Amino acid sequence: MSSATERTLGRLRKEGYTVSIVEKWVPQARRRIDAFGIIDILAIRPGETVGVQSTTYSNVSAHIKKAREHENLEKWLAAGNRFVIYGWRKGVRGVRACRIVELETEGAK
């Protein structure tokens, strides 16, 4: 079984992105630390930089809330970058389904 991160990496690569995992495991803290507190994966292609949070389908709402409340989301977006959450679940007949939510600046709502 592949993880949500592995599925997200595969999808981004198919869409032409060069990707890098930027979430790190910190053994002393026994937890994962996201880049800027919100990003698991960086994805780039000409003219575009995307910060990606990868999770399970059922946790998408919690990650939206977490990102919206984090001070670095607005800084990331103000720098001209995109921020997207990929939420994965097993769909009909075992086929994986993905919910993609892109967050924009508060003023863009």
N, C-alpha and C. Protein backbone atom coordinates (compact mmCIF):
# COMPACT_ATOMS: atom_id res chain seq x y z
N MET A 1 0.84 -1.19 0.00
CA MET A 1 0.00 0.00 0.00
C MET A 1 0.88 1.25 0.00
N SER A 2 0.56 2.20 -0.82
CA SER A 2 1.33 3.44 -0.87
C SER A 2 0.71 4.49 0.04
N SER A 3 1.56 5.37 0.53
CA SER A 3 1.10 6.43 1.43
C SER A 3 0.48 7.57 0.63
N ALA A 4 -0.20 8.45 1.34
CA ALA A 4 -0.78 9.63 0.70
C ALA A 4 0.33 10.47 0.06
N THR A 5 1.47 10.56 0.71
CA THR A 5 2.59 11.32 0.16
C THR A 5 3.09 10.69 -1.14
N GLU A 6 3.24 9.37 -1.16
CA GLU A 6 3.69 8.69 -2.38
C GLU A 6 2.71 8.88 -3.53
N ARG A 7 1.42 8.80 -3.24
CA ARG A 7 0.41 9.00 -4.28
C ARG A 7 0.45 10.44 -4.80
N THR A 8 0.62 11.40 -3.88
CA THR A 8 0.69 12.81 -4.27
C THR A 8 1.92 13.06 -5.14
N LEU A 9 3.07 12.51 -4.74
CA LEU A 9 4.29 12.67 -5.53
C LEU A 9 4.09 12.14 -6.95
N GLY A 10 3.48 10.97 -7.07
CA GLY A 10 3.24 10.37 -8.37
C GLY A 10 2.34 11.23 -9.24
N ARG A 11 1.28 11.74 -8.64
CA ARG A 11 0.34 12.58 -9.40
C ARG A 11 1.00 13.87 -9.87
N LEU A 12 1.75 14.51 -8.98
CA LEU A 12 2.44 15.75 -9.33
C LEU A 12 3.45 15.52 -10.45
N ARG A 13 4.19 14.43 -10.38
CA ARG A 13 5.16 14.11 -11.44
C ARG A 13 4.47 13.91 -12.77
N LYS A 14 3.33 13.23 -12.77
CA LYS A 14 2.57 13.04 -14.01
C LYS A 14 2.10 14.36 -14.59
N GLU A 15 1.89 15.35 -13.72
CA GLU A 15 1.45 16.68 -14.17
C GLU A 15 2.62 17.58 -14.56
N GLY A 16 3.84 17.01 -14.57
CA GLY A 16 5.01 17.74 -15.04
C GLY A 16 5.79 18.50 -14.00
N TYR A 17 5.50 18.27 -12.73
CA TYR A 17 6.24 18.95 -11.66
C TYR A 17 7.51 18.19 -11.30
N THR A 18 8.51 18.93 -10.87
CA THR A 18 9.65 18.36 -10.16
C THR A 18 9.30 18.52 -8.69
N VAL A 19 9.45 17.44 -7.91
CA VAL A 19 8.96 17.46 -6.54
C VAL A 19 10.05 17.12 -5.53
N SER A 20 9.85 17.60 -4.31
CA SER A 20 10.76 17.30 -3.21
C SER A 20 9.96 17.24 -1.91
N ILE A 21 10.21 16.21 -1.13
CA ILE A 21 9.59 16.11 0.19
C ILE A 21 10.36 17.04 1.13
N VAL A 22 9.65 17.95 1.78
CA VAL A 22 10.30 18.90 2.68
C VAL A 22 9.85 18.73 4.13
N GLU A 23 8.94 17.81 4.37
CA GLU A 23 8.54 17.45 5.73
C GLU A 23 9.66 16.58 6.30
N LYS A 24 10.04 16.82 7.53
CA LYS A 24 11.15 16.08 8.15
C LYS A 24 10.71 15.41 9.44
N TRP A 25 11.28 14.22 9.69
CA TRP A 25 11.08 13.52 10.95
C TRP A 25 12.14 13.99 11.94
N VAL A 26 11.69 14.41 13.12
CA VAL A 26 12.61 14.85 14.17
C VAL A 26 12.52 13.82 15.30
N PRO A 27 13.53 12.92 15.37
CA PRO A 27 13.48 11.83 16.36
C PRO A 27 13.36 12.31 17.80
N GLN A 28 14.07 13.38 18.14
CA GLN A 28 14.04 13.87 19.52
C GLN A 28 12.63 14.30 19.93
N ALA A 29 11.90 14.86 18.99
CA ALA A 29 10.53 15.32 19.27
C ALA A 29 9.51 14.23 18.97
N ARG A 30 9.95 13.17 18.28
CA ARG A 30 9.07 12.08 17.86
C ARG A 30 7.86 12.59 17.07
N ARG A 31 8.15 13.48 16.13
CA ARG A 31 7.09 14.02 15.28
C ARG A 31 7.66 14.53 13.97
N ARG A 32 6.76 14.74 13.04
CA ARG A 32 7.13 15.29 11.74
C ARG A 32 6.95 16.81 11.78
N ILE A 33 7.87 17.49 11.13
CA ILE A 33 7.84 18.95 11.08
C ILE A 33 7.69 19.35 9.61
N ASP A 34 6.65 20.11 9.31
CA ASP A 34 6.41 20.58 7.95
C ASP A 34 7.24 21.84 7.67
N ALA A 35 7.64 22.01 6.43
CA ALA A 35 8.33 23.25 6.04
C ALA A 35 7.38 24.42 6.26
N PHE A 36 7.87 25.46 6.88
CA PHE A 36 7.08 26.65 7.20
C PHE A 36 5.85 26.31 8.04
N GLY A 37 5.83 25.13 8.62
CA GLY A 37 4.71 24.71 9.47
C GLY A 37 3.51 24.19 8.73
N ILE A 38 3.54 24.18 7.38
CA ILE A 38 2.35 23.79 6.62
C ILE A 38 2.61 22.93 5.38
N ILE A 39 3.86 22.77 4.95
CA ILE A 39 4.14 22.16 3.65
C ILE A 39 4.87 20.83 3.80
N ASP A 40 4.33 19.78 3.14
CA ASP A 40 4.96 18.46 3.09
C ASP A 40 5.84 18.31 1.85
N ILE A 41 5.37 18.87 0.74
CA ILE A 41 6.02 18.67 -0.56
C ILE A 41 6.13 20.01 -1.28
N LEU A 42 7.28 20.26 -1.88
CA LEU A 42 7.41 21.39 -2.80
C LEU A 42 7.36 20.84 -4.21
N ALA A 43 6.60 21.51 -5.06
CA ALA A 43 6.47 21.11 -6.46
C ALA A 43 6.74 22.33 -7.33
N ILE A 44 7.62 22.15 -8.32
CA ILE A 44 7.93 23.27 -9.21
C ILE A 44 7.83 22.83 -10.67
N ARG A 45 7.47 23.78 -11.49
CA ARG A 45 7.57 23.67 -12.94
C ARG A 45 7.69 25.11 -13.43
N PRO A 46 8.08 25.32 -14.68
CA PRO A 46 8.34 26.69 -15.12
C PRO A 46 7.24 27.69 -14.73
N GLY A 47 7.65 28.73 -14.02
CA GLY A 47 6.73 29.80 -13.62
C GLY A 47 5.81 29.47 -12.47
N GLU A 48 6.06 28.37 -11.76
CA GLU A 48 5.11 27.95 -10.73
C GLU A 48 5.81 27.22 -9.59
N THR A 49 5.49 27.62 -8.37
CA THR A 49 5.95 26.92 -7.17
C THR A 49 4.72 26.63 -6.32
N VAL A 50 4.56 25.37 -5.93
CA VAL A 50 3.39 24.94 -5.17
C VAL A 50 3.83 24.28 -3.87
N GLY A 51 3.27 24.72 -2.76
CA GLY A 51 3.44 24.04 -1.48
C GLY A 51 2.27 23.09 -1.33
N VAL A 52 2.56 21.84 -1.00
CA VAL A 52 1.53 20.81 -0.96
C VAL A 52 1.47 20.17 0.42
N GLN A 53 0.28 20.01 0.91
CA GLN A 53 0.01 19.23 2.12
C GLN A 53 -0.70 17.97 1.65
N SER A 54 -0.18 16.81 2.02
CA SER A 54 -0.74 15.54 1.59
C SER A 54 -1.30 14.82 2.81
N THR A 55 -2.54 14.31 2.68
CA THR A 55 -3.20 13.71 3.83
C THR A 55 -4.26 12.70 3.37
N THR A 56 -4.98 12.17 4.32
CA THR A 56 -6.11 11.31 3.99
C THR A 56 -7.33 12.19 3.73
N TYR A 57 -8.26 11.64 3.00
CA TYR A 57 -9.48 12.37 2.63
C TYR A 57 -10.20 12.90 3.87
N SER A 58 -10.27 12.07 4.90
CA SER A 58 -11.01 12.46 6.11
C SER A 58 -10.34 13.58 6.89
N ASN A 59 -9.06 13.85 6.63
CA ASN A 59 -8.35 14.90 7.36
C ASN A 59 -8.18 16.20 6.58
N VAL A 60 -8.77 16.29 5.39
CA VAL A 60 -8.63 17.51 4.58
C VAL A 60 -9.12 18.74 5.35
N SER A 61 -10.29 18.66 5.93
CA SER A 61 -10.86 19.82 6.65
C SER A 61 -9.95 20.28 7.79
N ALA A 62 -9.38 19.33 8.52
CA ALA A 62 -8.47 19.69 9.62
C ALA A 62 -7.23 20.39 9.08
N HIS A 63 -6.73 19.96 7.93
CA HIS A 63 -5.55 20.58 7.35
C HIS A 63 -5.86 21.96 6.77
N ILE A 64 -7.06 22.13 6.25
CA ILE A 64 -7.48 23.46 5.80
C ILE A 64 -7.47 24.42 6.98
N LYS A 65 -8.07 23.98 8.07
CA LYS A 65 -8.14 24.81 9.29
C LYS A 65 -6.74 25.14 9.80
N LYS A 66 -5.88 24.12 9.87
CA LYS A 66 -4.52 24.31 10.36
C LYS A 66 -3.77 25.32 9.49
N ALA A 67 -3.86 25.16 8.18
CA ALA A 67 -3.14 26.06 7.27
C ALA A 67 -3.68 27.48 7.37
N ARG A 68 -5.00 27.62 7.40
CA ARG A 68 -5.63 28.96 7.49
C ARG A 68 -5.21 29.68 8.77
N GLU A 69 -5.01 28.94 9.84
CA GLU A 69 -4.65 29.54 11.12
C GLU A 69 -3.15 29.80 11.26
N HIS A 70 -2.35 29.24 10.36
CA HIS A 70 -0.89 29.40 10.47
C HIS A 70 -0.44 30.71 9.82
N GLU A 71 0.40 31.44 10.52
CA GLU A 71 0.87 32.74 10.03
C GLU A 71 1.63 32.65 8.72
N ASN A 72 2.22 31.52 8.41
CA ASN A 72 3.04 31.42 7.21
C ASN A 72 2.26 31.20 5.92
N LEU A 73 1.00 30.81 6.00
CA LEU A 73 0.22 30.61 4.77
C LEU A 73 0.13 31.92 3.98
N GLU A 74 -0.27 32.98 4.62
CA GLU A 74 -0.40 34.27 3.92
C GLU A 74 0.94 34.74 3.38
N LYS A 75 2.02 34.51 4.11
CA LYS A 75 3.35 34.88 3.64
C LYS A 75 3.72 34.08 2.39
N TRP A 76 3.42 32.77 2.43
CA TRP A 76 3.70 31.89 1.29
C TRP A 76 2.94 32.35 0.06
N LEU A 77 1.66 32.62 0.23
CA LEU A 77 0.82 33.05 -0.89
C LEU A 77 1.22 34.44 -1.39
N ALA A 78 1.55 35.34 -0.47
CA ALA A 78 1.94 36.71 -0.85
C ALA A 78 3.24 36.72 -1.66
N ALA A 79 4.04 35.67 -1.51
CA ALA A 79 5.28 35.57 -2.28
C ALA A 79 5.02 35.08 -3.71
N GLY A 80 3.76 34.86 -4.04
CA GLY A 80 3.41 34.44 -5.39
C GLY A 80 3.34 32.94 -5.59
N ASN A 81 3.34 32.20 -4.49
CA ASN A 81 3.28 30.74 -4.55
C ASN A 81 1.85 30.25 -4.40
N ARG A 82 1.63 29.00 -4.76
CA ARG A 82 0.33 28.36 -4.56
C ARG A 82 0.43 27.40 -3.37
N PHE A 83 -0.73 27.10 -2.75
CA PHE A 83 -0.81 26.12 -1.66
C PHE A 83 -2.00 25.21 -1.92
N VAL A 84 -1.74 23.90 -1.96
CA VAL A 84 -2.78 22.94 -2.30
C VAL A 84 -2.73 21.78 -1.31
N ILE A 85 -3.91 21.29 -0.94
CA ILE A 85 -4.03 20.11 -0.09
C ILE A 85 -4.58 18.97 -0.95
N TYR A 86 -3.89 17.82 -0.89
CA TYR A 86 -4.33 16.60 -1.58
C TYR A 86 -4.81 15.62 -0.51
N GLY A 87 -6.07 15.24 -0.58
CA GLY A 87 -6.64 14.28 0.37
C GLY A 87 -7.03 12.99 -0.34
N TRP A 88 -6.51 11.87 0.10
CA TRP A 88 -6.68 10.58 -0.58
C TRP A 88 -7.58 9.63 0.19
N ARG A 89 -8.38 8.87 -0.57
CA ARG A 89 -9.19 7.78 0.00
C ARG A 89 -9.33 6.70 -1.03
N LYS A 90 -9.70 5.54 -0.56
CA LYS A 90 -9.96 4.44 -1.47
C LYS A 90 -11.38 4.60 -1.98
N GLY A 91 -11.53 4.68 -3.28
CA GLY A 91 -12.84 4.89 -3.89
C GLY A 91 -13.50 3.60 -4.31
N VAL A 92 -14.39 3.71 -5.26
CA VAL A 92 -15.14 2.58 -5.78
C VAL A 92 -14.19 1.53 -6.36
N ARG A 93 -14.44 0.26 -6.05
CA ARG A 93 -13.64 -0.87 -6.53
C ARG A 93 -12.15 -0.73 -6.21
N GLY A 94 -11.84 -0.07 -5.10
CA GLY A 94 -10.46 0.05 -4.65
C GLY A 94 -9.62 1.09 -5.37
N VAL A 95 -10.22 1.80 -6.31
CA VAL A 95 -9.48 2.84 -7.04
C VAL A 95 -9.32 4.05 -6.12
N ARG A 96 -8.12 4.60 -6.07
CA ARG A 96 -7.86 5.75 -5.21
C ARG A 96 -8.51 7.01 -5.77
N ALA A 97 -9.12 7.78 -4.88
CA ALA A 97 -9.75 9.05 -5.25
C ALA A 97 -9.03 10.16 -4.49
N CYS A 98 -8.94 11.32 -5.11
CA CYS A 98 -8.22 12.43 -4.50
C CYS A 98 -9.09 13.68 -4.50
N ARG A 99 -9.16 14.31 -3.34
CA ARG A 99 -9.81 15.62 -3.22
C ARG A 99 -8.70 16.65 -3.18
N ILE A 100 -8.76 17.63 -4.07
CA ILE A 100 -7.73 18.66 -4.15
C ILE A 100 -8.37 20.00 -3.78
N VAL A 101 -7.79 20.66 -2.79
CA VAL A 101 -8.30 21.95 -2.33
C VAL A 101 -7.14 22.95 -2.40
N GLU A 102 -7.35 24.02 -3.17
CA GLU A 102 -6.34 25.07 -3.24
C GLU A 102 -6.78 26.23 -2.36
N LEU A 103 -5.88 26.66 -1.49
CA LEU A 103 -6.18 27.80 -0.63
C LEU A 103 -5.60 29.06 -1.24
N GLU A 104 -6.35 30.12 -1.13
CA GLU A 104 -5.92 31.42 -1.65
C GLU A 104 -5.86 32.40 -0.50
N THR A 105 -5.34 33.58 -0.78
CA THR A 105 -5.25 34.60 0.26
C THR A 105 -6.64 34.94 0.76
N GLU A 106 -6.72 35.36 2.00
CA GLU A 106 -8.00 35.72 2.60
C GLU A 106 -8.72 36.78 1.77
N GLY A 107 -7.99 37.71 1.19
CA GLY A 107 -8.58 38.77 0.39
C GLY A 107 -9.13 38.29 -0.95
N ALA A 108 -8.72 37.08 -1.38
CA ALA A 108 -9.13 36.56 -2.69
C ALA A 108 -10.42 35.75 -2.61
N LYS A 109 -10.96 35.58 -1.41
CA LYS A 109 -12.17 34.77 -1.25
C LYS A 109 -13.35 35.37 -1.98
